[in-house]
């Protein structure tokens, strides 16, 4: 971890992985193998979309592998958000962004 990353971690910056292209979130086979090994996942039915987007293992894999972490229709990016924000990932046709949570009624 670099000094800059350490300072951000101490300040409570949140990191979230999103997909920045149309198609949808997905990890490469290599990224899935590494994630499952790091997280101790043995369930063969586990699906990469089940990974929490703020999971430290996911953040590390996307940071370390770069573009090699991208699934077939993905362009993954790590977004930094303030520590006090309650967030959720929103999307349109697989292109995602991080939005602050709010209440909605129908």
PDB file of N, CA and C in Angstrom:
ATOM      1  N   UNK A   1       0.853  -1.182   0.000  1.00  0.00           N
ATOM      2  CA  UNK A   1       0.000   0.000   0.000  1.00  0.00           C
ATOM      3  C   UNK A   1       0.892   1.236   0.000  1.00  0.00           C
ATOM      4  N   UNK A   2       0.606   2.154  -0.902  1.00  0.00           N
ATOM      5  CA  UNK A   2       1.396   3.387  -0.983  1.00  0.00           C
ATOM      6  C   UNK A   2       1.014   4.321   0.165  1.00  0.00           C
ATOM      7  N   UNK A   3       1.838   5.339   0.381  1.00  0.00           N
ATOM      8  CA  UNK A   3       1.537   6.316   1.423  1.00  0.00           C
ATOM      9  C   UNK A   3       0.207   7.006   1.161  1.00  0.00           C
ATOM     10  N   UNK A   4      -0.057   7.339  -0.100  1.00  0.00           N
ATOM     11  CA  UNK A   4      -1.318   7.999  -0.457  1.00  0.00           C
ATOM     12  C   UNK A   4      -2.511   7.109  -0.120  1.00  0.00           C
ATOM     13  N   UNK A   5      -2.406   5.824  -0.445  1.00  0.00           N
ATOM     14  CA  UNK A   5      -3.485   4.889  -0.152  1.00  0.00           C
ATOM     15  C   UNK A   5      -3.671   4.726   1.349  1.00  0.00           C
ATOM     16  N   UNK A   6      -2.575   4.694   2.086  1.00  0.00           N
ATOM     17  CA  UNK A   6      -2.646   4.576   3.539  1.00  0.00           C
ATOM     18  C   UNK A   6      -3.340   5.787   4.139  1.00  0.00           C
ATOM     19  N   UNK A   7      -2.989   6.980   3.675  1.00  0.00           N
ATOM     20  CA  UNK A   7      -3.623   8.206   4.172  1.00  0.00           C
ATOM     21  C   UNK A   7      -5.121   8.184   3.879  1.00  0.00           C
ATOM     22  N   UNK A   8      -5.505   7.777   2.675  1.00  0.00           N
ATOM     23  CA  UNK A   8      -6.921   7.704   2.329  1.00  0.00           C
ATOM     24  C   UNK A   8      -7.632   6.677   3.204  1.00  0.00           C
ATOM     25  N   UNK A   9      -6.996   5.545   3.435  1.00  0.00           N
ATOM     26  CA  UNK A   9      -7.606   4.515   4.277  1.00  0.00           C
ATOM     27  C   UNK A   9      -7.808   5.035   5.694  1.00  0.00           C
ATOM     28  N   UNK A  10      -6.837   5.742   6.208  1.00  0.00           N
ATOM     29  CA  UNK A  10      -6.955   6.284   7.562  1.00  0.00           C
ATOM     30  C   UNK A  10      -8.040   7.351   7.647  1.00  0.00           C
ATOM     31  N   UNK A  11      -8.258   8.068   6.571  1.00  0.00           N
ATOM     32  CA  UNK A  11      -9.305   9.092   6.532  1.00  0.00           C
ATOM     33  C   UNK A  11     -10.678   8.467   6.294  1.00  0.00           C
ATOM     34  N   UNK A  12     -10.708   7.213   5.933  1.00  0.00           N
ATOM     35  CA  UNK A  12     -11.974   6.532   5.751  1.00  0.00           C
ATOM     36  C   UNK A  12     -12.545   6.592   4.354  1.00  0.00           C
ATOM     37  N   UNK A  13     -11.728   6.898   3.355  1.00  0.00           N
ATOM     38  CA  UNK A  13     -12.217   6.895   1.986  1.00  0.00           C
ATOM     39  C   UNK A  13     -12.734   5.497   1.675  1.00  0.00           C
ATOM     40  N   UNK A  14     -13.897   5.427   1.034  1.00  0.00           N
ATOM     41  CA  UNK A  14     -14.459   4.149   0.628  1.00  0.00           C
ATOM     42  C   UNK A  14     -14.107   3.891  -0.833  1.00  0.00           C
ATOM     43  N   UNK A  15     -13.790   2.649  -1.128  1.00  0.00           N
ATOM     44  CA  UNK A  15     -13.501   2.242  -2.500  1.00  0.00           C
ATOM     45  C   UNK A  15     -14.611   1.323  -2.973  1.00  0.00           C
ATOM     46  N   UNK A  16     -15.080   1.536  -4.204  1.00  0.00           N
ATOM     47  CA  UNK A  16     -16.160   0.743  -4.786  1.00  0.00           C
ATOM     48  C   UNK A  16     -15.788   0.419  -6.223  1.00  0.00           C
ATOM     49  N   UNK A  17     -15.959  -0.847  -6.626  1.00  0.00           N
ATOM     50  CA  UNK A  17     -15.667  -1.263  -7.996  1.00  0.00           C
ATOM     51  C   UNK A  17     -16.944  -1.178  -8.829  1.00  0.00           C
ATOM     52  N   UNK A  18     -16.838  -0.517  -9.987  1.00  0.00           N
ATOM     53  CA  UNK A  18     -17.961  -0.421 -10.913  1.00  0.00           C
ATOM     54  C   UNK A  18     -17.500  -0.795 -12.317  1.00  0.00           C
ATOM     55  N   UNK A  19     -18.474  -1.051 -13.177  1.00  0.00           N
ATOM     56  CA  UNK A  19     -18.218  -1.275 -14.591  1.00  0.00           C
ATOM     57  C   UNK A  19     -18.517   0.023 -15.336  1.00  0.00           C
ATOM     58  N   UNK A  20     -17.597   0.470 -16.179  1.00  0.00           N
ATOM     59  CA  UNK A  20     -17.761   1.765 -16.842  1.00  0.00           C
ATOM     60  C   UNK A  20     -18.057   1.659 -18.332  1.00  0.00           C
ATOM     61  N   UNK A  21     -18.598   0.536 -18.759  1.00  0.00           N
ATOM     62  CA  UNK A  21     -18.996   0.413 -20.158  1.00  0.00           C
ATOM     63  C   UNK A  21     -20.300  -0.363 -20.236  1.00  0.00           C
ATOM     64  N   UNK A  22     -20.961  -0.294 -21.367  1.00  0.00           N
ATOM     65  CA  UNK A  22     -22.188  -1.061 -21.542  1.00  0.00           C
ATOM     66  C   UNK A  22     -21.832  -2.535 -21.635  1.00  0.00           C
ATOM     67  N   UNK A  23     -22.630  -3.360 -21.048  1.00  0.00           N
ATOM     68  CA  UNK A  23     -22.380  -4.796 -21.068  1.00  0.00           C
ATOM     69  C   UNK A  23     -22.603  -5.416 -19.709  1.00  0.00           C
ATOM     70  N   UNK A  24     -21.966  -4.899 -18.685  1.00  0.00           N
ATOM     71  CA  UNK A  24     -22.204  -5.401 -17.339  1.00  0.00           C
ATOM     72  C   UNK A  24     -20.954  -5.783 -16.591  1.00  0.00           C
ATOM     73  N   UNK A  25     -21.070  -5.737 -15.281  1.00  0.00           N
ATOM     74  CA  UNK A  25     -19.991  -6.103 -14.379  1.00  0.00           C
ATOM     75  C   UNK A  25     -19.627  -7.564 -14.565  1.00  0.00           C
ATOM     76  N   UNK A  26     -18.358  -7.855 -14.587  1.00  0.00           N
ATOM     77  CA  UNK A  26     -17.896  -9.231 -14.648  1.00  0.00           C
ATOM     78  C   UNK A  26     -16.392  -9.285 -14.496  1.00  0.00           C
ATOM     79  N   UNK A  27     -15.932 -10.355 -13.903  1.00  0.00           N
ATOM     80  CA  UNK A  27     -14.500 -10.568 -13.700  1.00  0.00           C
ATOM     81  C   UNK A  27     -13.973 -11.570 -14.712  1.00  0.00           C
ATOM     82  N   UNK A  28     -12.707 -11.455 -15.036  1.00  0.00           N
ATOM     83  CA  UNK A  28     -12.051 -12.442 -15.891  1.00  0.00           C
ATOM     84  C   UNK A  28     -11.930 -13.754 -15.121  1.00  0.00           C
ATOM     85  N   UNK A  29     -11.656 -14.828 -15.827  1.00  0.00           N
ATOM     86  CA  UNK A  29     -11.481 -16.123 -15.169  1.00  0.00           C
ATOM     87  C   UNK A  29     -10.351 -16.060 -14.148  1.00  0.00           C
ATOM     88  N   UNK A  30      -9.267 -15.395 -14.508  1.00  0.00           N
ATOM     89  CA  UNK A  30      -8.132 -15.250 -13.586  1.00  0.00           C
ATOM     90  C   UNK A  30      -8.551 -14.488 -12.326  1.00  0.00           C
ATOM     91  N   UNK A  31      -9.285 -13.393 -12.501  1.00  0.00           N
ATOM     92  CA  UNK A  31      -9.730 -12.593 -11.357  1.00  0.00           C
ATOM     93  C   UNK A  31     -10.673 -13.406 -10.469  1.00  0.00           C
ATOM     94  N   UNK A  32     -11.545 -14.194 -11.070  1.00  0.00           N
ATOM     95  CA  UNK A  32     -12.451 -15.048 -10.286  1.00  0.00           C
ATOM     96  C   UNK A  32     -11.650 -16.052  -9.467  1.00  0.00           C
ATOM     97  N   UNK A  33     -10.674 -16.695 -10.098  1.00  0.00           N
ATOM     98  CA  UNK A  33      -9.841 -17.671  -9.374  1.00  0.00           C
ATOM     99  C   UNK A  33      -9.137 -17.007  -8.195  1.00  0.00           C
ATOM    100  N   UNK A  34      -8.543 -15.838  -8.435  1.00  0.00           N
ATOM    101  CA  UNK A  34      -7.817 -15.150  -7.369  1.00  0.00           C
ATOM    102  C   UNK A  34      -8.763 -14.689  -6.262  1.00  0.00           C
ATOM    103  N   UNK A  35      -9.926 -14.179  -6.642  1.00  0.00           N
ATOM    104  CA  UNK A  35     -10.887 -13.727  -5.634  1.00  0.00           C
ATOM    105  C   UNK A  35     -11.337 -14.896  -4.762  1.00  0.00           C
ATOM    106  N   UNK A  36     -11.715 -16.005  -5.402  1.00  0.00           N
ATOM    107  CA  UNK A  36     -12.177 -17.162  -4.647  1.00  0.00           C
ATOM    108  C   UNK A  36     -11.092 -17.690  -3.712  1.00  0.00           C
ATOM    109  N   UNK A  37      -9.847 -17.680  -4.171  1.00  0.00           N
ATOM    110  CA  UNK A  37      -8.745 -18.141  -3.324  1.00  0.00           C
ATOM    111  C   UNK A  37      -8.552 -17.210  -2.125  1.00  0.00           C
ATOM    112  N   UNK A  38      -8.576 -15.905  -2.376  1.00  0.00           N
ATOM    113  CA  UNK A  38      -8.380 -14.935  -1.296  1.00  0.00           C
ATOM    114  C   UNK A  38      -9.527 -14.976  -0.291  1.00  0.00           C
ATOM    115  N   UNK A  39     -10.746 -15.108  -0.789  1.00  0.00           N
ATOM    116  CA  UNK A  39     -11.927 -15.061   0.071  1.00  0.00           C
ATOM    117  C   UNK A  39     -12.280 -16.429   0.662  1.00  0.00           C
ATOM    118  N   UNK A  40     -11.567 -17.475   0.239  1.00  0.00           N
ATOM    119  CA  UNK A  40     -11.839 -18.814   0.760  1.00  0.00           C
ATOM    120  C   UNK A  40     -13.153 -19.396   0.266  1.00  0.00           C
ATOM    121  N   UNK A  41     -13.560 -19.023  -0.927  1.00  0.00           N
ATOM    122  CA  UNK A  41     -14.827 -19.497  -1.493  1.00  0.00           C
ATOM    123  C   UNK A  41     -14.588 -20.828  -2.200  1.00  0.00           C
ATOM    124  N   UNK A  42     -15.358 -21.839  -1.798  1.00  0.00           N
ATOM    125  CA  UNK A  42     -15.228 -23.168  -2.403  1.00  0.00           C
ATOM    126  C   UNK A  42     -16.486 -23.591  -3.153  1.00  0.00           C
ATOM    127  N   UNK A  43     -17.540 -22.817  -3.044  1.00  0.00           N
ATOM    128  CA  UNK A  43     -18.802 -23.135  -3.706  1.00  0.00           C
ATOM    129  C   UNK A  43     -18.641 -23.003  -5.222  1.00  0.00           C
ATOM    130  N   UNK A  44     -18.791 -24.103  -5.970  1.00  0.00           N
ATOM    131  CA  UNK A  44     -18.623 -24.027  -7.422  1.00  0.00           C
ATOM    132  C   UNK A  44     -19.728 -23.209  -8.101  1.00  0.00           C
ATOM    133  N   UNK A  45     -20.831 -22.954  -7.413  1.00  0.00           N
ATOM    134  CA  UNK A  45     -21.933 -22.178  -7.982  1.00  0.00           C
ATOM    135  C   UNK A  45     -21.791 -20.679  -7.698  1.00  0.00           C
ATOM    136  N   UNK A  46     -20.721 -20.278  -7.013  1.00  0.00           N
ATOM    137  CA  UNK A  46     -20.520 -18.857  -6.714  1.00  0.00           C
ATOM    138  C   UNK A  46     -20.365 -18.086  -8.010  1.00  0.00           C
ATOM    139  N   UNK A  47     -20.986 -16.915  -8.050  1.00  0.00           N
ATOM    140  CA  UNK A  47     -21.016 -16.087  -9.253  1.00  0.00           C
ATOM    141  C   UNK A  47     -20.331 -14.763  -8.947  1.00  0.00           C
ATOM    142  N   UNK A  48     -19.498 -14.280  -9.857  1.00  0.00           N
ATOM    143  CA  UNK A  48     -18.704 -13.079  -9.582  1.00  0.00           C
ATOM    144  C   UNK A  48     -19.549 -11.855  -9.245  1.00  0.00           C
ATOM    145  N   UNK A  49     -20.760 -11.800  -9.719  1.00  0.00           N
ATOM    146  CA  UNK A  49     -21.628 -10.650  -9.399  1.00  0.00           C
ATOM    147  C   UNK A  49     -22.079 -10.667  -7.943  1.00  0.00           C
ATOM    148  N   UNK A  50     -21.796 -11.758  -7.215  1.00  0.00           N
ATOM    149  CA  UNK A  50     -22.125 -11.830  -5.795  1.00  0.00           C
ATOM    150  C   UNK A  50     -21.081 -11.142  -4.915  1.00  0.00           C
ATOM    151  N   UNK A  51     -19.964 -10.782  -5.483  1.00  0.00           N
ATOM    152  CA  UNK A  51     -18.913 -10.123  -4.700  1.00  0.00           C
ATOM    153  C   UNK A  51     -19.365  -8.717  -4.308  1.00  0.00           C
ATOM    154  N   UNK A  52     -19.296  -8.375  -3.027  1.00  0.00           N
ATOM    155  CA  UNK A  52     -19.626  -7.001  -2.629  1.00  0.00           C
ATOM    156  C   UNK A  52     -18.676  -6.031  -3.320  1.00  0.00           C
ATOM    157  N   UNK A  53     -19.212  -4.965  -3.850  1.00  0.00           N
ATOM    158  CA  UNK A  53     -18.407  -4.046  -4.645  1.00  0.00           C
ATOM    159  C   UNK A  53     -17.360  -3.297  -3.826  1.00  0.00           C
ATOM    160  N   UNK A  54     -17.494  -3.304  -2.512  1.00  0.00           N
ATOM    161  CA  UNK A  54     -16.498  -2.659  -1.654  1.00  0.00           C
ATOM    162  C   UNK A  54     -15.621  -3.677  -0.935  1.00  0.00           C
ATOM    163  N   UNK A  55     -15.675  -4.923  -1.372  1.00  0.00           N
ATOM    164  CA  UNK A  55     -14.885  -5.984  -0.750  1.00  0.00           C
ATOM    165  C   UNK A  55     -13.396  -5.697  -0.946  1.00  0.00           C
ATOM    166  N   UNK A  56     -12.616  -5.710   0.134  1.00  0.00           N
ATOM    167  CA  UNK A  56     -11.177  -5.424   0.015  1.00  0.00           C
ATOM    168  C   UNK A  56     -10.449  -6.366  -0.949  1.00  0.00           C
ATOM    169  N   UNK A  57     -10.869  -7.633  -1.017  1.00  0.00           N
ATOM    170  CA  UNK A  57     -10.243  -8.569  -1.954  1.00  0.00           C
ATOM    171  C   UNK A  57     -10.525  -8.152  -3.397  1.00  0.00           C
ATOM    172  N   UNK A  58     -11.758  -7.746  -3.658  1.00  0.00           N
ATOM    173  CA  UNK A  58     -12.120  -7.298  -5.010  1.00  0.00           C
ATOM    174  C   UNK A  58     -11.339  -6.047  -5.381  1.00  0.00           C
ATOM    175  N   UNK A  59     -11.249  -5.101  -4.460  1.00  0.00           N
ATOM    176  CA  UNK A  59     -10.492  -3.867  -4.703  1.00  0.00           C
ATOM    177  C   UNK A  59      -9.045  -4.212  -5.044  1.00  0.00           C
ATOM    178  N   UNK A  60      -8.446  -5.088  -4.254  1.00  0.00           N
ATOM    179  CA  UNK A  60      -7.046  -5.463  -4.470  1.00  0.00           C
ATOM    180  C   UNK A  60      -6.850  -6.129  -5.831  1.00  0.00           C
ATOM    181  N   UNK A  61      -7.731  -7.033  -6.182  1.00  0.00           N
ATOM    182  CA  UNK A  61      -7.594  -7.747  -7.456  1.00  0.00           C
ATOM    183  C   UNK A  61      -7.733  -6.787  -8.631  1.00  0.00           C
ATOM    184  N   UNK A  62      -8.719  -5.906  -8.589  1.00  0.00           N
ATOM    185  CA  UNK A  62      -8.903  -4.952  -9.688  1.00  0.00           C
ATOM    186  C   UNK A  62      -7.705  -4.010  -9.758  1.00  0.00           C
ATOM    187  N   UNK A  63      -7.198  -3.587  -8.614  1.00  0.00           N
ATOM    188  CA  UNK A  63      -6.021  -2.703  -8.598  1.00  0.00           C
ATOM    189  C   UNK A  63      -4.787  -3.432  -9.135  1.00  0.00           C
ATOM    190  N   UNK A  64      -4.565  -4.656  -8.664  1.00  0.00           N
ATOM    191  CA  UNK A  64      -3.353  -5.396  -9.040  1.00  0.00           C
ATOM    192  C   UNK A  64      -3.376  -5.891 -10.487  1.00  0.00           C
ATOM    193  N   UNK A  65      -4.523  -6.392 -10.943  1.00  0.00           N
ATOM    194  CA  UNK A  65      -4.594  -6.964 -12.291  1.00  0.00           C
ATOM    195  C   UNK A  65      -4.875  -5.921 -13.368  1.00  0.00           C
ATOM    196  N   UNK A  66      -5.433  -4.789 -12.982  1.00  0.00           N
ATOM    197  CA  UNK A  66      -5.765  -3.773 -13.980  1.00  0.00           C
ATOM    198  C   UNK A  66      -6.751  -4.327 -14.984  1.00  0.00           C
ATOM    199  N   UNK A  67      -6.479  -4.116 -16.258  1.00  0.00           N
ATOM    200  CA  UNK A  67      -7.403  -4.552 -17.308  1.00  0.00           C
ATOM    201  C   UNK A  67      -7.564  -6.072 -17.365  1.00  0.00           C
ATOM    202  N   UNK A  68      -6.607  -6.807 -16.833  1.00  0.00           N
ATOM    203  CA  UNK A  68      -6.706  -8.268 -16.823  1.00  0.00           C
ATOM    204  C   UNK A  68      -7.793  -8.760 -15.873  1.00  0.00           C
ATOM    205  N   UNK A  69      -8.334  -7.883 -15.031  1.00  0.00           N
ATOM    206  CA  UNK A  69      -9.439  -8.247 -14.137  1.00  0.00           C
ATOM    207  C   UNK A  69     -10.782  -8.170 -14.843  1.00  0.00           C
ATOM    208  N   UNK A  70     -10.835  -7.472 -15.977  1.00  0.00           N
ATOM    209  CA  UNK A  70     -12.099  -7.257 -16.681  1.00  0.00           C
ATOM    210  C   UNK A  70     -12.664  -8.534 -17.270  1.00  0.00           C
ATOM    211  N   UNK A  71     -13.974  -8.735 -17.071  1.00  0.00           N
ATOM    212  CA  UNK A  71     -14.673  -9.816 -17.732  1.00  0.00           C
ATOM    213  C   UNK A  71     -14.874  -9.487 -19.202  1.00  0.00           C
ATOM    214  N   UNK A  72     -15.559 -10.362 -19.907  1.00  0.00           N
ATOM    215  CA  UNK A  72     -15.725 -10.228 -21.357  1.00  0.00           C
ATOM    216  C   UNK A  72     -16.387  -8.924 -21.780  1.00  0.00           C
ATOM    217  N   UNK A  73     -17.314  -8.424 -20.991  1.00  0.00           N
ATOM    218  CA  UNK A  73     -18.049  -7.214 -21.370  1.00  0.00           C
ATOM    219  C   UNK A  73     -17.921  -6.144 -20.291  1.00  0.00           C
ATOM    220  N   UNK A  74     -16.750  -6.040 -19.688  1.00  0.00           N
ATOM    221  CA  UNK A  74     -16.568  -5.122 -18.569  1.00  0.00           C
ATOM    222  C   UNK A  74     -15.330  -4.258 -18.741  1.00  0.00           C
ATOM    223  N   UNK A  75     -15.392  -3.108 -18.136  1.00  0.00           N
ATOM    224  CA  UNK A  75     -14.249  -2.211 -17.986  1.00  0.00           C
ATOM    225  C   UNK A  75     -14.331  -1.699 -16.552  1.00  0.00           C
ATOM    226  N   UNK A  76     -13.643  -2.393 -15.652  1.00  0.00           N
ATOM    227  CA  UNK A  76     -13.783  -2.131 -14.227  1.00  0.00           C
ATOM    228  C   UNK A  76     -12.959  -0.931 -13.785  1.00  0.00           C
ATOM    229  N   UNK A  77     -13.508  -0.222 -12.817  1.00  0.00           N
ATOM    230  CA  UNK A  77     -12.873   0.983 -12.284  1.00  0.00           C
ATOM    231  C   UNK A  77     -13.125   1.026 -10.784  1.00  0.00           C
ATOM    232  N   UNK A  78     -12.138   1.521 -10.039  1.00  0.00           N
ATOM    233  CA  UNK A  78     -12.300   1.727  -8.606  1.00  0.00           C
ATOM    234  C   UNK A  78     -12.638   3.195  -8.379  1.00  0.00           C
ATOM    235  N   UNK A  79     -13.777   3.433  -7.740  1.00  0.00           N
ATOM    236  CA  UNK A  79     -14.246   4.780  -7.450  1.00  0.00           C
ATOM    237  C   UNK A  79     -14.026   5.062  -5.968  1.00  0.00           C
ATOM    238  N   UNK A  80     -13.556   6.270  -5.666  1.00  0.00           N
ATOM    239  CA  UNK A  80     -13.382   6.687  -4.279  1.00  0.00           C
ATOM    240  C   UNK A  80     -14.550   7.582  -3.890  1.00  0.00           C
ATOM    241  N   UNK A  81     -15.150   7.285  -2.730  1.00  0.00           N
ATOM    242  CA  UNK A  81     -16.242   8.121  -2.239  1.00  0.00           C
ATOM    243  C   UNK A  81     -15.979   8.492  -0.784  1.00  0.00           C
ATOM    244  N   UNK A  82     -16.583   9.579  -0.307  1.00  0.00           N
ATOM    245  CA  UNK A  82     -16.358  10.018   1.070  1.00  0.00           C
ATOM    246  C   UNK A  82     -16.792   8.959   2.077  1.00  0.00           C
ATOM    247  N   UNK A  83     -16.192   9.002   3.259  1.00  0.00           N
ATOM    248  CA  UNK A  83     -16.439   7.961   4.257  1.00  0.00           C
ATOM    249  C   UNK A  83     -17.851   7.939   4.827  1.00  0.00           C
ATOM    250  N   UNK A  84     -18.547   9.049   4.796  1.00  0.00           N
ATOM    251  CA  UNK A  84     -19.852   9.136   5.443  1.00  0.00           C
ATOM    252  C   UNK A  84     -21.027   8.922   4.494  1.00  0.00           C
ATOM    253  N   UNK A  85     -20.772   8.517   3.272  1.00  0.00           N
ATOM    254  CA  UNK A  85     -21.826   8.358   2.275  1.00  0.00           C
ATOM    255  C   UNK A  85     -22.356   6.921   2.289  1.00  0.00           C
ATOM    256  N   UNK A  86     -23.680   6.795   2.395  1.00  0.00           N
ATOM    257  CA  UNK A  86     -24.318   5.500   2.177  1.00  0.00           C
ATOM    258  C   UNK A  86     -24.584   5.413   0.684  1.00  0.00           C
ATOM    259  N   UNK A  87     -24.073   4.392   0.039  1.00  0.00           N
ATOM    260  CA  UNK A  87     -24.067   4.343  -1.417  1.00  0.00           C
ATOM    261  C   UNK A  87     -24.732   3.082  -1.933  1.00  0.00           C
ATOM    262  N   UNK A  88     -24.983   3.107  -3.235  1.00  0.00           N
ATOM    263  CA  UNK A  88     -25.440   1.939  -3.957  1.00  0.00           C
ATOM    264  C   UNK A  88     -24.952   2.062  -5.400  1.00  0.00           C
ATOM    265  N   UNK A  89     -24.817   0.938  -6.057  1.00  0.00           N
ATOM    266  CA  UNK A  89     -24.408   0.941  -7.463  1.00  0.00           C
ATOM    267  C   UNK A  89     -25.676   0.967  -8.298  1.00  0.00           C
ATOM    268  N   UNK A  90     -25.737   1.924  -9.219  1.00  0.00           N
ATOM    269  CA  UNK A  90     -26.846   2.003 -10.160  1.00  0.00           C
ATOM    270  C   UNK A  90     -26.281   1.773 -11.555  1.00  0.00           C
ATOM    271  N   UNK A  91     -27.164   1.419 -12.480  1.00  0.00           N
ATOM    272  CA  UNK A  91     -26.679   1.110 -13.826  1.00  0.00           C
ATOM    273  C   UNK A  91     -27.736   1.342 -14.875  1.00  0.00           C
ATOM    274  N   UNK A  92     -27.256   1.490 -16.091  1.00  0.00           N
ATOM    275  CA  UNK A  92     -28.110   1.520 -17.273  1.00  0.00           C
ATOM    276  C   UNK A  92     -27.413   0.671 -18.328  1.00  0.00           C
ATOM    277  N   UNK A  93     -28.052  -0.425 -18.744  1.00  0.00           N
ATOM    278  CA  UNK A  93     -27.485  -1.354 -19.723  1.00  0.00           C
ATOM    279  C   UNK A  93     -26.083  -1.829 -19.344  1.00  0.00           C
ATOM    280  N   UNK A  94     -25.851  -1.986 -18.060  1.00  0.00           N
ATOM    281  CA  UNK A  94     -24.562  -2.483 -17.586  1.00  0.00           C
ATOM    282  C   UNK A  94     -23.537  -1.426 -17.290  1.00  0.00           C
ATOM    283  N   UNK A  95     -23.739  -0.204 -17.760  1.00  0.00           N
ATOM    284  CA  UNK A  95     -22.839   0.917 -17.464  1.00  0.00           C
ATOM    285  C   UNK A  95     -23.222   1.437 -16.079  1.00  0.00           C
ATOM    286  N   UNK A  96     -22.292   1.417 -15.133  1.00  0.00           N
ATOM    287  CA  UNK A  96     -22.616   1.663 -13.733  1.00  0.00           C
ATOM    288  C   UNK A  96     -22.021   2.963 -13.194  1.00  0.00           C
ATOM    289  N   UNK A  97     -22.609   3.419 -12.090  1.00  0.00           N
ATOM    290  CA  UNK A  97     -22.082   4.552 -11.325  1.00  0.00           C
ATOM    291  C   UNK A  97     -22.469   4.335  -9.873  1.00  0.00           C
ATOM    292  N   UNK A  98     -21.789   5.054  -8.993  1.00  0.00           N
ATOM    293  CA  UNK A  98     -22.088   4.999  -7.559  1.00  0.00           C
ATOM    294  C   UNK A  98     -22.988   6.180  -7.248  1.00  0.00           C
ATOM    295  N   UNK A  99     -24.097   5.904  -6.572  1.00  0.00           N
ATOM    296  CA  UNK A  99     -25.053   6.952  -6.202  1.00  0.00           C
ATOM    297  C   UNK A  99     -25.267   6.912  -4.692  1.00  0.00           C
ATOM    298  N   UNK A 100     -25.501   8.080  -4.130  1.00  0.00           N
ATOM    299  CA  UNK A 100     -25.836   8.145  -2.714  1.00  0.00           C
ATOM    300  C   UNK A 100     -27.236   7.572  -2.527  1.00  0.00           C
ATOM    301  N   UNK A 101     -27.402   6.729  -1.486  1.00  0.00           N
ATOM    302  CA  UNK A 101     -28.715   6.138  -1.218  1.00  0.00           C
ATOM    303  C   UNK A 101     -29.693   7.215  -0.784  1.00  0.00           C
ATOM    304  N   UNK A 102     -30.920   7.038  -1.187  1.00  0.00           N
ATOM    305  CA  UNK A 102     -31.991   7.926  -0.759  1.00  0.00           C
ATOM    306  C   UNK A 102     -33.274   7.107  -0.707  1.00  0.00           C
ATOM    307  N   UNK A 103     -34.301   7.689  -0.183  1.00  0.00           N
ATOM    308  CA  UNK A 103     -35.558   6.965  -0.057  1.00  0.00           C
ATOM    309  C   UNK A 103     -36.403   7.164  -1.310  1.00  0.00           C
ATOM    310  N   UNK A 104     -37.125   6.119  -1.696  1.00  0.00           N
ATOM    311  CA  UNK A 104     -37.973   6.173  -2.878  1.00  0.00           C
ATOM    312  C   UNK A 104     -39.302   5.492  -2.549  1.00  0.00           C
ATOM    313  N   UNK A 105     -40.402   6.072  -3.043  1.00  0.00           N
ATOM    314  CA  UNK A 105     -41.726   5.455  -2.871  1.00  0.00           C
ATOM    315  C   UNK A 105     -42.382   5.330  -4.230  1.00  0.00           C
ATOM    316  N   UNK A 106     -43.253   4.354  -4.372  1.00  0.00           N
ATOM    317  CA  UNK A 106     -44.028   4.188  -5.605  1.00  0.00           C
ATOM    318  C   UNK A 106     -45.476   4.057  -5.243  1.00  0.00           C
TER     319      UNK A 106
END
